[in-house]
């Protein structure tokens, strides 16, 4: 159930990207990865489903690094306004 919600959130971000709202889509995907990290940290392994790949700490750190990287890299691209 949790994994499906995370997958749906990333799919929503990719839908924004496909409609030429790439900044909004990538910020959405990065935010969803951070939410996934929080859920992986707080919920028992049995409830997170496929978010549990390795240990709890490894999975959480990996998701935080990826989510933060997507958000930071998206935010550093200058806005052309066009």
N, C-alpha and C. Protein backbone atom coordinates (compact mmCIF):
# COMPACT_ATOMS: atom_id res chain seq x y z
N UNK A 1 0.82 -1.19 0.00
CA UNK A 1 0.00 0.00 0.00
C UNK A 1 0.87 1.27 0.00
N UNK A 2 1.87 1.30 0.86
CA UNK A 2 2.76 2.45 0.93
C UNK A 2 3.55 2.60 -0.37
N UNK A 3 4.06 1.49 -0.87
CA UNK A 3 4.85 1.53 -2.10
C UNK A 3 4.00 2.03 -3.26
N UNK A 4 2.75 1.63 -3.32
CA UNK A 4 1.85 2.10 -4.38
C UNK A 4 1.63 3.59 -4.33
N UNK A 5 1.52 4.15 -3.13
CA UNK A 5 1.36 5.59 -2.98
C UNK A 5 2.60 6.35 -3.44
N UNK A 6 3.76 5.82 -3.08
CA UNK A 6 5.01 6.45 -3.50
C UNK A 6 5.15 6.36 -5.02
N UNK A 7 4.85 5.21 -5.57
CA UNK A 7 4.92 5.05 -7.02
C UNK A 7 3.94 5.98 -7.73
N UNK A 8 2.75 6.15 -7.17
CA UNK A 8 1.78 7.07 -7.74
C UNK A 8 2.25 8.52 -7.69
N UNK A 9 2.91 8.90 -6.60
CA UNK A 9 3.44 10.26 -6.48
C UNK A 9 4.53 10.55 -7.50
N UNK A 10 5.42 9.59 -7.70
CA UNK A 10 6.47 9.77 -8.71
C UNK A 10 5.85 9.80 -10.10
N UNK A 11 4.83 8.97 -10.33
CA UNK A 11 4.15 8.99 -11.63
C UNK A 11 3.47 10.35 -11.86
N UNK A 12 2.93 10.95 -10.82
CA UNK A 12 2.34 12.28 -10.94
C UNK A 12 3.41 13.30 -11.33
N UNK A 13 4.57 13.21 -10.71
CA UNK A 13 5.68 14.09 -11.07
C UNK A 13 6.08 13.92 -12.53
N UNK A 14 6.14 12.69 -12.98
CA UNK A 14 6.50 12.44 -14.38
C UNK A 14 5.41 12.91 -15.33
N UNK A 15 4.16 12.88 -14.88
CA UNK A 15 3.07 13.43 -15.69
C UNK A 15 3.25 14.93 -15.86
N UNK A 16 3.63 15.63 -14.79
CA UNK A 16 3.92 17.07 -14.90
C UNK A 16 5.06 17.31 -15.89
N UNK A 17 6.09 16.49 -15.81
CA UNK A 17 7.23 16.65 -16.72
C UNK A 17 6.79 16.46 -18.17
N UNK A 18 5.94 15.48 -18.41
CA UNK A 18 5.49 15.21 -19.77
C UNK A 18 4.61 16.33 -20.33
N UNK A 19 4.06 17.16 -19.45
CA UNK A 19 3.22 18.28 -19.88
C UNK A 19 4.00 19.61 -19.87
N UNK A 20 5.32 19.52 -19.96
CA UNK A 20 6.22 20.68 -20.02
C UNK A 20 6.25 21.51 -18.73
N UNK A 21 5.92 20.90 -17.61
CA UNK A 21 6.09 21.54 -16.31
C UNK A 21 7.19 20.78 -15.59
N UNK A 22 8.40 20.79 -16.18
CA UNK A 22 9.48 19.93 -15.70
C UNK A 22 9.92 20.30 -14.29
N UNK A 23 9.94 21.59 -13.97
CA UNK A 23 10.39 21.99 -12.64
C UNK A 23 9.41 21.49 -11.57
N UNK A 24 8.14 21.70 -11.79
CA UNK A 24 7.12 21.23 -10.85
C UNK A 24 7.15 19.71 -10.73
N UNK A 25 7.32 19.03 -11.85
CA UNK A 25 7.35 17.57 -11.83
C UNK A 25 8.54 17.01 -11.08
N UNK A 26 9.72 17.58 -11.30
CA UNK A 26 10.90 17.07 -10.61
C UNK A 26 10.89 17.43 -9.14
N UNK A 27 10.37 18.61 -8.78
CA UNK A 27 10.24 18.95 -7.36
C UNK A 27 9.23 18.02 -6.68
N UNK A 28 8.18 17.65 -7.39
CA UNK A 28 7.21 16.69 -6.85
C UNK A 28 7.87 15.34 -6.62
N UNK A 29 8.62 14.86 -7.61
CA UNK A 29 9.29 13.56 -7.48
C UNK A 29 10.31 13.58 -6.34
N UNK A 30 11.06 14.66 -6.21
CA UNK A 30 12.02 14.78 -5.11
C UNK A 30 11.34 14.81 -3.76
N UNK A 31 10.24 15.52 -3.67
CA UNK A 31 9.47 15.57 -2.42
C UNK A 31 8.90 14.21 -2.05
N UNK A 32 8.43 13.48 -3.05
CA UNK A 32 7.90 12.14 -2.80
C UNK A 32 9.01 11.21 -2.31
N UNK A 33 10.22 11.35 -2.84
CA UNK A 33 11.33 10.54 -2.35
C UNK A 33 11.65 10.85 -0.89
N UNK A 34 11.54 12.12 -0.50
CA UNK A 34 11.75 12.47 0.90
C UNK A 34 10.65 11.91 1.80
N UNK A 35 9.42 11.92 1.31
CA UNK A 35 8.31 11.31 2.06
C UNK A 35 8.54 9.81 2.19
N UNK A 36 9.03 9.19 1.12
CA UNK A 36 9.33 7.75 1.17
C UNK A 36 10.40 7.46 2.22
N UNK A 37 11.40 8.34 2.33
CA UNK A 37 12.44 8.16 3.34
C UNK A 37 11.84 8.24 4.74
N UNK A 38 10.95 9.19 4.96
CA UNK A 38 10.31 9.32 6.26
C UNK A 38 9.46 8.10 6.59
N UNK A 39 8.71 7.62 5.61
CA UNK A 39 7.89 6.43 5.83
C UNK A 39 8.75 5.20 6.09
N UNK A 40 9.85 5.08 5.36
CA UNK A 40 10.75 3.92 5.57
C UNK A 40 11.36 3.97 6.96
N UNK A 41 11.62 5.16 7.46
CA UNK A 41 12.21 5.30 8.78
C UNK A 41 11.21 4.99 9.88
N UNK A 42 9.96 5.40 9.70
CA UNK A 42 8.96 5.31 10.77
C UNK A 42 8.14 4.03 10.79
N UNK A 43 7.85 3.48 9.63
CA UNK A 43 6.96 2.32 9.58
C UNK A 43 7.74 1.01 9.72
N UNK A 44 7.08 -0.02 10.22
CA UNK A 44 7.75 -1.33 10.29
C UNK A 44 8.00 -1.89 8.89
N UNK A 45 9.01 -2.71 8.79
CA UNK A 45 9.42 -3.27 7.50
C UNK A 45 8.27 -3.99 6.81
N UNK A 46 7.41 -4.64 7.59
CA UNK A 46 6.29 -5.39 7.02
C UNK A 46 5.32 -4.49 6.26
N UNK A 47 5.20 -3.23 6.67
CA UNK A 47 4.22 -2.33 6.06
C UNK A 47 4.77 -1.55 4.86
N UNK A 48 6.07 -1.41 4.74
CA UNK A 48 6.60 -0.58 3.65
C UNK A 48 6.76 -1.33 2.35
N UNK A 49 6.62 -2.62 2.37
CA UNK A 49 6.67 -3.41 1.14
C UNK A 49 8.00 -3.31 0.43
N UNK A 50 7.96 -2.93 -0.83
CA UNK A 50 9.17 -2.92 -1.66
C UNK A 50 10.09 -1.73 -1.38
N UNK A 51 9.72 -0.83 -0.47
CA UNK A 51 10.65 0.22 -0.06
C UNK A 51 11.78 -0.36 0.79
N UNK A 52 11.55 -1.53 1.37
CA UNK A 52 12.56 -2.19 2.18
C UNK A 52 13.47 -3.01 1.27
N UNK A 53 14.64 -2.48 0.98
CA UNK A 53 15.59 -3.16 0.10
C UNK A 53 16.74 -3.73 0.91
N UNK A 54 17.35 -2.89 1.72
CA UNK A 54 18.44 -3.30 2.60
C UNK A 54 17.99 -3.04 4.03
N UNK A 55 18.86 -2.52 4.83
CA UNK A 55 18.49 -2.16 6.19
C UNK A 55 17.75 -0.84 6.22
N UNK A 56 17.09 -0.57 7.33
CA UNK A 56 16.30 0.64 7.49
C UNK A 56 17.15 1.91 7.30
N UNK A 57 18.33 1.94 7.92
CA UNK A 57 19.19 3.12 7.84
C UNK A 57 19.69 3.32 6.41
N UNK A 58 20.14 2.26 5.77
CA UNK A 58 20.64 2.36 4.40
C UNK A 58 19.55 2.86 3.45
N UNK A 59 18.37 2.29 3.55
CA UNK A 59 17.26 2.70 2.68
C UNK A 59 16.89 4.16 2.91
N UNK A 60 16.83 4.57 4.19
CA UNK A 60 16.45 5.95 4.51
C UNK A 60 17.49 6.94 3.99
N UNK A 61 18.76 6.65 4.23
CA UNK A 61 19.83 7.55 3.78
C UNK A 61 19.83 7.65 2.26
N UNK A 62 19.65 6.54 1.58
CA UNK A 62 19.64 6.53 0.12
C UNK A 62 18.48 7.38 -0.42
N UNK A 63 17.30 7.23 0.14
CA UNK A 63 16.15 8.00 -0.31
C UNK A 63 16.31 9.49 -0.01
N UNK A 64 16.89 9.82 1.15
CA UNK A 64 17.12 11.24 1.48
C UNK A 64 18.12 11.85 0.51
N UNK A 65 19.20 11.13 0.23
CA UNK A 65 20.22 11.65 -0.69
C UNK A 65 19.63 11.85 -2.09
N UNK A 66 18.89 10.87 -2.58
CA UNK A 66 18.31 10.99 -3.91
C UNK A 66 17.27 12.11 -3.98
N UNK A 67 16.37 12.17 -3.00
CA UNK A 67 15.35 13.22 -2.99
C UNK A 67 15.96 14.61 -2.89
N UNK A 68 16.95 14.76 -2.02
CA UNK A 68 17.62 16.05 -1.87
C UNK A 68 18.37 16.43 -3.14
N UNK A 69 19.03 15.47 -3.76
CA UNK A 69 19.76 15.74 -5.00
C UNK A 69 18.82 16.20 -6.10
N UNK A 70 17.68 15.55 -6.24
CA UNK A 70 16.72 15.95 -7.28
C UNK A 70 16.22 17.37 -7.02
N UNK A 71 15.89 17.68 -5.77
CA UNK A 71 15.38 19.00 -5.43
C UNK A 71 16.45 20.08 -5.63
N UNK A 72 17.66 19.83 -5.15
CA UNK A 72 18.73 20.82 -5.26
C UNK A 72 19.11 21.05 -6.72
N UNK A 73 19.27 19.98 -7.48
CA UNK A 73 19.64 20.14 -8.88
C UNK A 73 18.54 20.83 -9.69
N UNK A 74 17.29 20.53 -9.38
CA UNK A 74 16.19 21.19 -10.07
C UNK A 74 16.14 22.68 -9.71
N UNK A 75 16.41 22.98 -8.47
CA UNK A 75 16.35 24.37 -8.02
C UNK A 75 17.52 25.21 -8.54
N UNK A 76 18.63 24.60 -8.89
CA UNK A 76 19.78 25.36 -9.35
C UNK A 76 19.72 25.71 -10.83
N UNK A 77 18.84 25.10 -11.57
CA UNK A 77 18.70 25.44 -12.99
C UNK A 77 18.00 26.79 -13.08
N UNK A 78 18.60 27.74 -13.79
CA UNK A 78 17.99 29.08 -13.86
C UNK A 78 16.65 29.04 -14.59
N UNK A 79 15.73 29.85 -14.10
CA UNK A 79 14.41 29.96 -14.71
C UNK A 79 14.49 30.92 -15.89
N UNK A 80 14.09 30.44 -17.06
CA UNK A 80 14.20 31.27 -18.26
C UNK A 80 13.01 32.21 -18.41
N UNK A 81 11.89 31.89 -17.76
CA UNK A 81 10.71 32.76 -17.81
C UNK A 81 9.95 32.70 -19.11
N UNK A 82 10.39 31.85 -20.01
CA UNK A 82 9.79 31.84 -21.32
C UNK A 82 8.69 30.89 -21.52
